[in-house]
Amino acid sequence: MARRRRIPEVPVEVRIGVQHATRELVVESTETPDAVIEAVQAALAGKTSVLTLSDERGRQVVVPADKLAYVEIGEPETRRVGFGSL
């Protein structure tokens, strides 16, 4: 039986703007960009009253859906290690 290789999870940076707040929330999520989009769409459509995302350490960020100003989803980026040429 062939074993599946586990692909390491690459964190996706999610920036969340909250109404009447001067700073944005930045979450490094292990969820896929499509999963984040689905969660945001469900919150904005009224299917849930909050947007809940998990970060790479297992913590959860909960934002009331009616207070969302914007959500920016970054591309998954592998972290560079070592001293490469800049």
PDB file of N, CA and C in Angstrom:
ATOM      1  N   MET A   1       0.844  -1.172   0.000  1.00  0.00           N
ATOM      2  CA  MET A   1       0.000   0.000   0.000  1.00  0.00           C
ATOM      3  C   MET A   1       0.894   1.241   0.000  1.00  0.00           C
ATOM      4  N   ALA A   2       0.625   2.146  -0.889  1.00  0.00           N
ATOM      5  CA  ALA A   2       1.415   3.365  -0.998  1.00  0.00           C
ATOM      6  C   ALA A   2       1.050   4.325   0.130  1.00  0.00           C
ATOM      7  N   ARG A   3       2.063   4.929   0.684  1.00  0.00           N
ATOM      8  CA  ARG A   3       1.833   5.903   1.746  1.00  0.00           C
ATOM      9  C   ARG A   3       1.787   7.295   1.142  1.00  0.00           C
ATOM     10  N   ARG A   4       0.872   8.067   1.612  1.00  0.00           N
ATOM     11  CA  ARG A   4       0.781   9.451   1.163  1.00  0.00           C
ATOM     12  C   ARG A   4       1.795  10.290   1.904  1.00  0.00           C
ATOM     13  N   ARG A   5       2.447  11.140   1.163  1.00  0.00           N
ATOM     14  CA  ARG A   5       3.350  12.087   1.785  1.00  0.00           C
ATOM     15  C   ARG A   5       2.552  13.241   2.330  1.00  0.00           C
ATOM     16  N   ARG A   6       2.843  13.610   3.539  1.00  0.00           N
ATOM     17  CA  ARG A   6       2.142  14.742   4.132  1.00  0.00           C
ATOM     18  C   ARG A   6       2.821  16.023   3.690  1.00  0.00           C
ATOM     19  N   ILE A   7       2.067  16.870   3.066  1.00  0.00           N
ATOM     20  CA  ILE A   7       2.584  18.154   2.614  1.00  0.00           C
ATOM     21  C   ILE A   7       2.577  19.104   3.804  1.00  0.00           C
ATOM     22  N   PRO A   8       3.716  19.720   4.111  1.00  0.00           N
ATOM     23  CA  PRO A   8       3.738  20.636   5.251  1.00  0.00           C
ATOM     24  C   PRO A   8       2.807  21.818   5.007  1.00  0.00           C
ATOM     25  N   GLU A   9       2.145  22.228   6.077  1.00  0.00           N
ATOM     26  CA  GLU A   9       1.217  23.342   5.971  1.00  0.00           C
ATOM     27  C   GLU A   9       1.994  24.649   5.896  1.00  0.00           C
ATOM     28  N   VAL A  10       1.648  25.447   4.936  1.00  0.00           N
ATOM     29  CA  VAL A  10       2.288  26.742   4.763  1.00  0.00           C
ATOM     30  C   VAL A  10       1.305  27.796   5.247  1.00  0.00           C
ATOM     31  N   PRO A  11       1.709  28.607   6.224  1.00  0.00           N
ATOM     32  CA  PRO A  11       0.768  29.597   6.743  1.00  0.00           C
ATOM     33  C   PRO A  11       0.402  30.661   5.710  1.00  0.00           C
ATOM     34  N   VAL A  12      -0.845  31.088   5.794  1.00  0.00           N
ATOM     35  CA  VAL A  12      -1.366  32.144   4.925  1.00  0.00           C
ATOM     36  C   VAL A  12      -1.613  33.357   5.806  1.00  0.00           C
ATOM     37  N   GLU A  13      -1.113  34.510   5.374  1.00  0.00           N
ATOM     38  CA  GLU A  13      -1.324  35.727   6.154  1.00  0.00           C
ATOM     39  C   GLU A  13      -2.699  36.303   5.840  1.00  0.00           C
ATOM     40  N   VAL A  14      -3.487  36.519   6.884  1.00  0.00           N
ATOM     41  CA  VAL A  14      -4.823  37.089   6.748  1.00  0.00           C
ATOM     42  C   VAL A  14      -4.856  38.377   7.557  1.00  0.00           C
ATOM     43  N   ARG A  15      -5.187  39.486   6.892  1.00  0.00           N
ATOM     44  CA  ARG A  15      -5.322  40.780   7.562  1.00  0.00           C
ATOM     45  C   ARG A  15      -6.807  41.119   7.641  1.00  0.00           C
ATOM     46  N   ILE A  16      -7.258  41.434   8.853  1.00  0.00           N
ATOM     47  CA  ILE A  16      -8.681  41.698   9.080  1.00  0.00           C
ATOM     48  C   ILE A  16      -8.825  43.118   9.605  1.00  0.00           C
ATOM     49  N   GLY A  17      -9.577  43.931   8.883  1.00  0.00           N
ATOM     50  CA  GLY A  17      -9.899  45.270   9.342  1.00  0.00           C
ATOM     51  C   GLY A  17     -11.204  45.237  10.111  1.00  0.00           C
ATOM     52  N   VAL A  18     -11.212  45.873  11.262  1.00  0.00           N
ATOM     53  CA  VAL A  18     -12.397  45.906  12.117  1.00  0.00           C
ATOM     54  C   VAL A  18     -12.879  47.349  12.189  1.00  0.00           C
ATOM     55  N   GLN A  19     -14.192  47.541  12.025  1.00  0.00           N
ATOM     56  CA  GLN A  19     -14.763  48.889  12.065  1.00  0.00           C
ATOM     57  C   GLN A  19     -14.468  49.558  13.403  1.00  0.00           C
ATOM     58  N   HIS A  20     -14.164  50.844  13.354  1.00  0.00           N
ATOM     59  CA  HIS A  20     -13.914  51.675  14.534  1.00  0.00           C
ATOM     60  C   HIS A  20     -12.700  51.218  15.334  1.00  0.00           C
ATOM     61  N   ALA A  21     -11.773  50.508  14.686  1.00  0.00           N
ATOM     62  CA  ALA A  21     -10.515  50.108  15.329  1.00  0.00           C
ATOM     63  C   ALA A  21      -9.376  50.684  14.499  1.00  0.00           C
ATOM     64  N   THR A  22      -8.371  51.223  15.162  1.00  0.00           N
ATOM     65  CA  THR A  22      -7.287  51.880  14.436  1.00  0.00           C
ATOM     66  C   THR A  22      -6.275  50.895  13.862  1.00  0.00           C
ATOM     67  N   ARG A  23      -6.223  49.685  14.393  1.00  0.00           N
ATOM     68  CA  ARG A  23      -5.257  48.698  13.916  1.00  0.00           C
ATOM     69  C   ARG A  23      -5.987  47.504  13.329  1.00  0.00           C
ATOM     70  N   GLU A  24      -5.313  46.831  12.406  1.00  0.00           N
ATOM     71  CA  GLU A  24      -5.876  45.624  11.823  1.00  0.00           C
ATOM     72  C   GLU A  24      -5.360  44.400  12.572  1.00  0.00           C
ATOM     73  N   LEU A  25      -6.097  43.302  12.469  1.00  0.00           N
ATOM     74  CA  LEU A  25      -5.663  42.036  13.036  1.00  0.00           C
ATOM     75  C   LEU A  25      -4.893  41.280  11.965  1.00  0.00           C
ATOM     76  N   VAL A  26      -3.761  40.698  12.324  1.00  0.00           N
ATOM     77  CA  VAL A  26      -2.975  39.904  11.388  1.00  0.00           C
ATOM     78  C   VAL A  26      -2.879  38.494  11.951  1.00  0.00           C
ATOM     79  N   VAL A  27      -3.351  37.521  11.152  1.00  0.00           N
ATOM     80  CA  VAL A  27      -3.368  36.128  11.575  1.00  0.00           C
ATOM     81  C   VAL A  27      -2.580  35.302  10.567  1.00  0.00           C
ATOM     82  N   GLU A  28      -1.653  34.487  11.049  1.00  0.00           N
ATOM     83  CA  GLU A  28      -0.956  33.509  10.209  1.00  0.00           C
ATOM     84  C   GLU A  28      -1.756  32.218  10.330  1.00  0.00           C
ATOM     85  N   SER A  29      -2.606  31.944   9.368  1.00  0.00           N
ATOM     86  CA  SER A  29      -3.524  30.817   9.428  1.00  0.00           C
ATOM     87  C   SER A  29      -2.988  29.629   8.640  1.00  0.00           C
ATOM     88  N   THR A  30      -3.232  28.435   9.152  1.00  0.00           N
ATOM     89  CA  THR A  30      -2.847  27.215   8.439  1.00  0.00           C
ATOM     90  C   THR A  30      -3.959  26.748   7.505  1.00  0.00           C
ATOM     91  N   GLU A  31      -5.066  27.466   7.487  1.00  0.00           N
ATOM     92  CA  GLU A  31      -6.152  27.131   6.575  1.00  0.00           C
ATOM     93  C   GLU A  31      -5.781  27.562   5.159  1.00  0.00           C
ATOM     94  N   THR A  32      -6.404  26.940   4.183  1.00  0.00           N
ATOM     95  CA  THR A  32      -6.143  27.307   2.794  1.00  0.00           C
ATOM     96  C   THR A  32      -6.825  28.642   2.492  1.00  0.00           C
ATOM     97  N   PRO A  33      -6.347  29.366   1.492  1.00  0.00           N
ATOM     98  CA  PRO A  33      -7.028  30.615   1.120  1.00  0.00           C
ATOM     99  C   PRO A  33      -8.504  30.388   0.777  1.00  0.00           C
ATOM    100  N   ASP A  34      -8.818  29.259   0.127  1.00  0.00           N
ATOM    101  CA  ASP A  34     -10.221  28.974  -0.208  1.00  0.00           C
ATOM    102  C   ASP A  34     -11.061  28.769   1.045  1.00  0.00           C
ATOM    103  N   ALA A  35     -10.504  28.122   2.071  1.00  0.00           N
ATOM    104  CA  ALA A  35     -11.242  27.914   3.318  1.00  0.00           C
ATOM    105  C   ALA A  35     -11.486  29.238   4.033  1.00  0.00           C
ATOM    106  N   VAL A  36     -10.514  30.141   3.976  1.00  0.00           N
ATOM    107  CA  VAL A  36     -10.690  31.461   4.591  1.00  0.00           C
ATOM    108  C   VAL A  36     -11.775  32.234   3.856  1.00  0.00           C
ATOM    109  N   ILE A  37     -11.760  32.178   2.527  1.00  0.00           N
ATOM    110  CA  ILE A  37     -12.778  32.866   1.734  1.00  0.00           C
ATOM    111  C   ILE A  37     -14.168  32.332   2.064  1.00  0.00           C
ATOM    112  N   GLU A  38     -14.303  31.017   2.184  1.00  0.00           N
ATOM    113  CA  GLU A  38     -15.604  30.423   2.528  1.00  0.00           C
ATOM    114  C   GLU A  38     -16.073  30.876   3.905  1.00  0.00           C
ATOM    115  N   ALA A  39     -15.157  30.954   4.873  1.00  0.00           N
ATOM    116  CA  ALA A  39     -15.527  31.398   6.222  1.00  0.00           C
ATOM    117  C   ALA A  39     -15.978  32.858   6.212  1.00  0.00           C
ATOM    118  N   VAL A  40     -15.293  33.690   5.446  1.00  0.00           N
ATOM    119  CA  VAL A  40     -15.660  35.115   5.352  1.00  0.00           C
ATOM    120  C   VAL A  40     -17.018  35.254   4.665  1.00  0.00           C
ATOM    121  N   GLN A  41     -17.219  34.522   3.578  1.00  0.00           N
ATOM    122  CA  GLN A  41     -18.493  34.596   2.864  1.00  0.00           C
ATOM    123  C   GLN A  41     -19.652  34.123   3.733  1.00  0.00           C
ATOM    124  N   ALA A  42     -19.443  33.070   4.520  1.00  0.00           N
ATOM    125  CA  ALA A  42     -20.496  32.576   5.411  1.00  0.00           C
ATOM    126  C   ALA A  42     -20.829  33.614   6.480  1.00  0.00           C
ATOM    127  N   ALA A  43     -19.802  34.285   7.001  1.00  0.00           N
ATOM    128  CA  ALA A  43     -20.042  35.307   8.026  1.00  0.00           C
ATOM    129  C   ALA A  43     -20.785  36.507   7.438  1.00  0.00           C
ATOM    130  N   LEU A  44     -20.381  36.932   6.243  1.00  0.00           N
ATOM    131  CA  LEU A  44     -21.034  38.095   5.631  1.00  0.00           C
ATOM    132  C   LEU A  44     -22.435  37.786   5.133  1.00  0.00           C
ATOM    133  N   ALA A  45     -22.706  36.538   4.784  1.00  0.00           N
ATOM    134  CA  ALA A  45     -24.034  36.152   4.315  1.00  0.00           C
ATOM    135  C   ALA A  45     -25.016  35.952   5.466  1.00  0.00           C
ATOM    136  N   GLY A  46     -24.510  36.001   6.695  1.00  0.00           N
ATOM    137  CA  GLY A  46     -25.389  35.841   7.845  1.00  0.00           C
ATOM    138  C   GLY A  46     -25.569  34.400   8.278  1.00  0.00           C
ATOM    139  N   LYS A  47     -24.811  33.476   7.695  1.00  0.00           N
ATOM    140  CA  LYS A  47     -24.912  32.075   8.107  1.00  0.00           C
ATOM    141  C   LYS A  47     -24.326  31.863   9.492  1.00  0.00           C
ATOM    142  N   THR A  48     -23.345  32.669   9.843  1.00  0.00           N
ATOM    143  CA  THR A  48     -22.785  32.691  11.191  1.00  0.00           C
ATOM    144  C   THR A  48     -22.681  34.148  11.611  1.00  0.00           C
ATOM    145  N   SER A  49     -22.712  34.398  12.902  1.00  0.00           N
ATOM    146  CA  SER A  49     -22.652  35.783  13.369  1.00  0.00           C
ATOM    147  C   SER A  49     -21.223  36.249  13.622  1.00  0.00           C
ATOM    148  N   VAL A  50     -20.265  35.311  13.554  1.00  0.00           N
ATOM    149  CA  VAL A  50     -18.867  35.656  13.781  1.00  0.00           C
ATOM    150  C   VAL A  50     -17.978  34.999  12.732  1.00  0.00           C
ATOM    151  N   LEU A  51     -16.828  35.619  12.486  1.00  0.00           N
ATOM    152  CA  LEU A  51     -15.788  35.032  11.652  1.00  0.00           C
ATOM    153  C   LEU A  51     -14.767  34.432  12.601  1.00  0.00           C
ATOM    154  N   THR A  52     -14.516  33.139  12.474  1.00  0.00           N
ATOM    155  CA  THR A  52     -13.565  32.446  13.339  1.00  0.00           C
ATOM    156  C   THR A  52     -12.460  31.851  12.489  1.00  0.00           C
ATOM    157  N   LEU A  53     -11.222  32.210  12.814  1.00  0.00           N
ATOM    158  CA  LEU A  53     -10.052  31.661  12.133  1.00  0.00           C
ATOM    159  C   LEU A  53      -9.083  31.128  13.173  1.00  0.00           C
ATOM    160  N   SER A  54      -8.355  30.078  12.801  1.00  0.00           N
ATOM    161  CA  SER A  54      -7.325  29.516  13.678  1.00  0.00           C
ATOM    162  C   SER A  54      -5.960  29.919  13.159  1.00  0.00           C
ATOM    163  N   ASP A  55      -5.058  30.253  14.093  1.00  0.00           N
ATOM    164  CA  ASP A  55      -3.712  30.610  13.657  1.00  0.00           C
ATOM    165  C   ASP A  55      -2.819  29.377  13.703  1.00  0.00           C
ATOM    166  N   GLU A  56      -1.555  29.555  13.338  1.00  0.00           N
ATOM    167  CA  GLU A  56      -0.641  28.430  13.230  1.00  0.00           C
ATOM    168  C   GLU A  56      -0.275  27.823  14.575  1.00  0.00           C
ATOM    169  N   ARG A  57      -0.585  28.484  15.671  1.00  0.00           N
ATOM    170  CA  ARG A  57      -0.317  27.954  17.009  1.00  0.00           C
ATOM    171  C   ARG A  57      -1.551  27.321  17.641  1.00  0.00           C
ATOM    172  N   GLY A  58      -2.658  27.299  16.905  1.00  0.00           N
ATOM    173  CA  GLY A  58      -3.884  26.686  17.412  1.00  0.00           C
ATOM    174  C   GLY A  58      -4.822  27.639  18.115  1.00  0.00           C
ATOM    175  N   ARG A  59      -4.440  28.901  18.225  1.00  0.00           N
ATOM    176  CA  ARG A  59      -5.323  29.889  18.851  1.00  0.00           C
ATOM    177  C   ARG A  59      -6.414  30.285  17.869  1.00  0.00           C
ATOM    178  N   GLN A  60      -7.550  30.707  18.392  1.00  0.00           N
ATOM    179  CA  GLN A  60      -8.653  31.127  17.536  1.00  0.00           C
ATOM    180  C   GLN A  60      -8.880  32.622  17.666  1.00  0.00           C
ATOM    181  N   VAL A  61      -9.154  33.245  16.521  1.00  0.00           N
ATOM    182  CA  VAL A  61      -9.487  34.665  16.464  1.00  0.00           C
ATOM    183  C   VAL A  61     -10.953  34.741  16.059  1.00  0.00           C
ATOM    184  N   VAL A  62     -11.745  35.437  16.859  1.00  0.00           N
ATOM    185  CA  VAL A  62     -13.181  35.546  16.615  1.00  0.00           C
ATOM    186  C   VAL A  62     -13.525  37.025  16.462  1.00  0.00           C
ATOM    187  N   VAL A  63     -14.147  37.369  15.316  1.00  0.00           N
ATOM    188  CA  VAL A  63     -14.523  38.750  15.031  1.00  0.00           C
ATOM    189  C   VAL A  63     -16.014  38.769  14.686  1.00  0.00           C
ATOM    190  N   PRO A  64     -16.794  39.663  15.293  1.00  0.00           N
ATOM    191  CA  PRO A  64     -18.212  39.767  14.925  1.00  0.00           C
ATOM    192  C   PRO A  64     -18.345  40.121  13.443  1.00  0.00           C
ATOM    193  N   ALA A  65     -19.201  39.408  12.747  1.00  0.00           N
ATOM    194  CA  ALA A  65     -19.348  39.598  11.298  1.00  0.00           C
ATOM    195  C   ALA A  65     -19.817  41.003  10.948  1.00  0.00           C
ATOM    196  N   ASP A  66     -20.639  41.606  11.793  1.00  0.00           N
ATOM    197  CA  ASP A  66     -21.146  42.943  11.473  1.00  0.00           C
ATOM    198  C   ASP A  66     -20.107  44.046  11.699  1.00  0.00           C
ATOM    199  N   LYS A  67     -18.938  43.701  12.252  1.00  0.00           N
ATOM    200  CA  LYS A  67     -17.870  44.675  12.487  1.00  0.00           C
ATOM    201  C   LYS A  67     -16.724  44.541  11.485  1.00  0.00           C
ATOM    202  N   LEU A  68     -16.831  43.607  10.530  1.00  0.00           N
ATOM    203  CA  LEU A  68     -15.770  43.428   9.543  1.00  0.00           C
ATOM    204  C   LEU A  68     -15.732  44.612   8.587  1.00  0.00           C
ATOM    205  N   ALA A  69     -14.561  45.194   8.409  1.00  0.00           N
ATOM    206  CA  ALA A  69     -14.382  46.267   7.436  1.00  0.00           C
ATOM    207  C   ALA A  69     -13.815  45.686   6.144  1.00  0.00           C
ATOM    208  N   TYR A  70     -12.777  44.845   6.266  1.00  0.00           N
ATOM    209  CA  TYR A  70     -12.181  44.189   5.105  1.00  0.00           C
ATOM    210  C   TYR A  70     -11.397  42.969   5.565  1.00  0.00           C
ATOM    211  N   VAL A  71     -11.157  42.062   4.639  1.00  0.00           N
ATOM    212  CA  VAL A  71     -10.321  40.896   4.889  1.00  0.00           C
ATOM    213  C   VAL A  71      -9.380  40.760   3.696  1.00  0.00           C
ATOM    214  N   GLU A  72      -8.085  40.764   3.967  1.00  0.00           N
ATOM    215  CA  GLU A  72      -7.074  40.630   2.927  1.00  0.00           C
ATOM    216  C   GLU A  72      -6.360  39.301   3.133  1.00  0.00           C
ATOM    217  N   ILE A  73      -6.351  38.489   2.095  1.00  0.00           N
ATOM    218  CA  ILE A  73      -5.756  37.158   2.184  1.00  0.00           C
ATOM    219  C   ILE A  73      -4.492  37.141   1.333  1.00  0.00           C
ATOM    220  N   GLY A  74      -3.361  36.877   1.984  1.00  0.00           N
ATOM    221  CA  GLY A  74      -2.081  36.824   1.281  1.00  0.00           C
ATOM    222  C   GLY A  74      -1.839  35.453   0.686  1.00  0.00           C
ATOM    223  N   GLU A  75      -0.897  35.396  -0.223  1.00  0.00           N
ATOM    224  CA  GLU A  75      -0.517  34.130  -0.838  1.00  0.00           C
ATOM    225  C   GLU A  75       0.303  33.313   0.145  1.00  0.00           C
ATOM    226  N   PRO A  76       0.147  31.988   0.110  1.00  0.00           N
ATOM    227  CA  PRO A  76       1.013  31.154   0.957  1.00  0.00           C
ATOM    228  C   PRO A  76       2.468  31.362   0.550  1.00  0.00           C
ATOM    229  N   GLU A  77       3.315  31.531   1.521  1.00  0.00           N
ATOM    230  CA  GLU A  77       4.721  31.803   1.232  1.00  0.00           C
ATOM    231  C   GLU A  77       5.587  30.927   2.119  1.00  0.00           C
ATOM    232  N   THR A  78       6.508  30.209   1.506  1.00  0.00           N
ATOM    233  CA  THR A  78       7.420  29.404   2.298  1.00  0.00           C
ATOM    234  C   THR A  78       8.460  30.323   2.924  1.00  0.00           C
ATOM    235  N   ARG A  79       8.861  29.985   4.119  1.00  0.00           N
ATOM    236  CA  ARG A  79       9.834  30.811   4.814  1.00  0.00           C
ATOM    237  C   ARG A  79      11.234  30.414   4.389  1.00  0.00           C
ATOM    238  N   ARG A  80      12.042  31.404   4.149  1.00  0.00           N
ATOM    239  CA  ARG A  80      13.418  31.158   3.745  1.00  0.00           C
ATOM    240  C   ARG A  80      14.276  30.965   4.982  1.00  0.00           C
ATOM    241  N   VAL A  81      15.193  30.046   4.861  1.00  0.00           N
ATOM    242  CA  VAL A  81      16.086  29.757   5.972  1.00  0.00           C
ATOM    243  C   VAL A  81      17.513  29.889   5.475  1.00  0.00           C
ATOM    244  N   GLY A  82      18.355  30.507   6.264  1.00  0.00           N
ATOM    245  CA  GLY A  82      19.753  30.613   5.891  1.00  0.00           C
ATOM    246  C   GLY A  82      20.105  31.990   5.363  1.00  0.00           C
ATOM    247  N   PHE A  83      21.307  32.066   4.873  1.00  0.00           N
ATOM    248  CA  PHE A  83      21.815  33.337   4.372  1.00  0.00           C
ATOM    249  C   PHE A  83      21.926  33.252   2.856  1.00  0.00           C
ATOM    250  N   GLY A  84      20.855  33.548   2.171  1.00  0.00           N
ATOM    251  CA  GLY A  84      20.857  33.548   0.723  1.00  0.00           C
ATOM    252  C   GLY A  84      21.165  34.939   0.205  1.00  0.00           C
ATOM    253  N   SER A  85      21.402  35.046  -1.068  1.00  0.00           N
ATOM    254  CA  SER A  85      21.646  36.361  -1.632  1.00  0.00           C
ATOM    255  C   SER A  85      20.332  37.122  -1.689  1.00  0.00           C
ATOM    256  N   LEU A  86      20.396  38.374  -1.361  1.00  0.00           N
ATOM    257  CA  LEU A  86      19.182  39.191  -1.329  1.00  0.00           C
ATOM    258  C   LEU A  86      18.928  39.784  -2.624  1.00  0.00           C
TER     259      LEU A  86
END
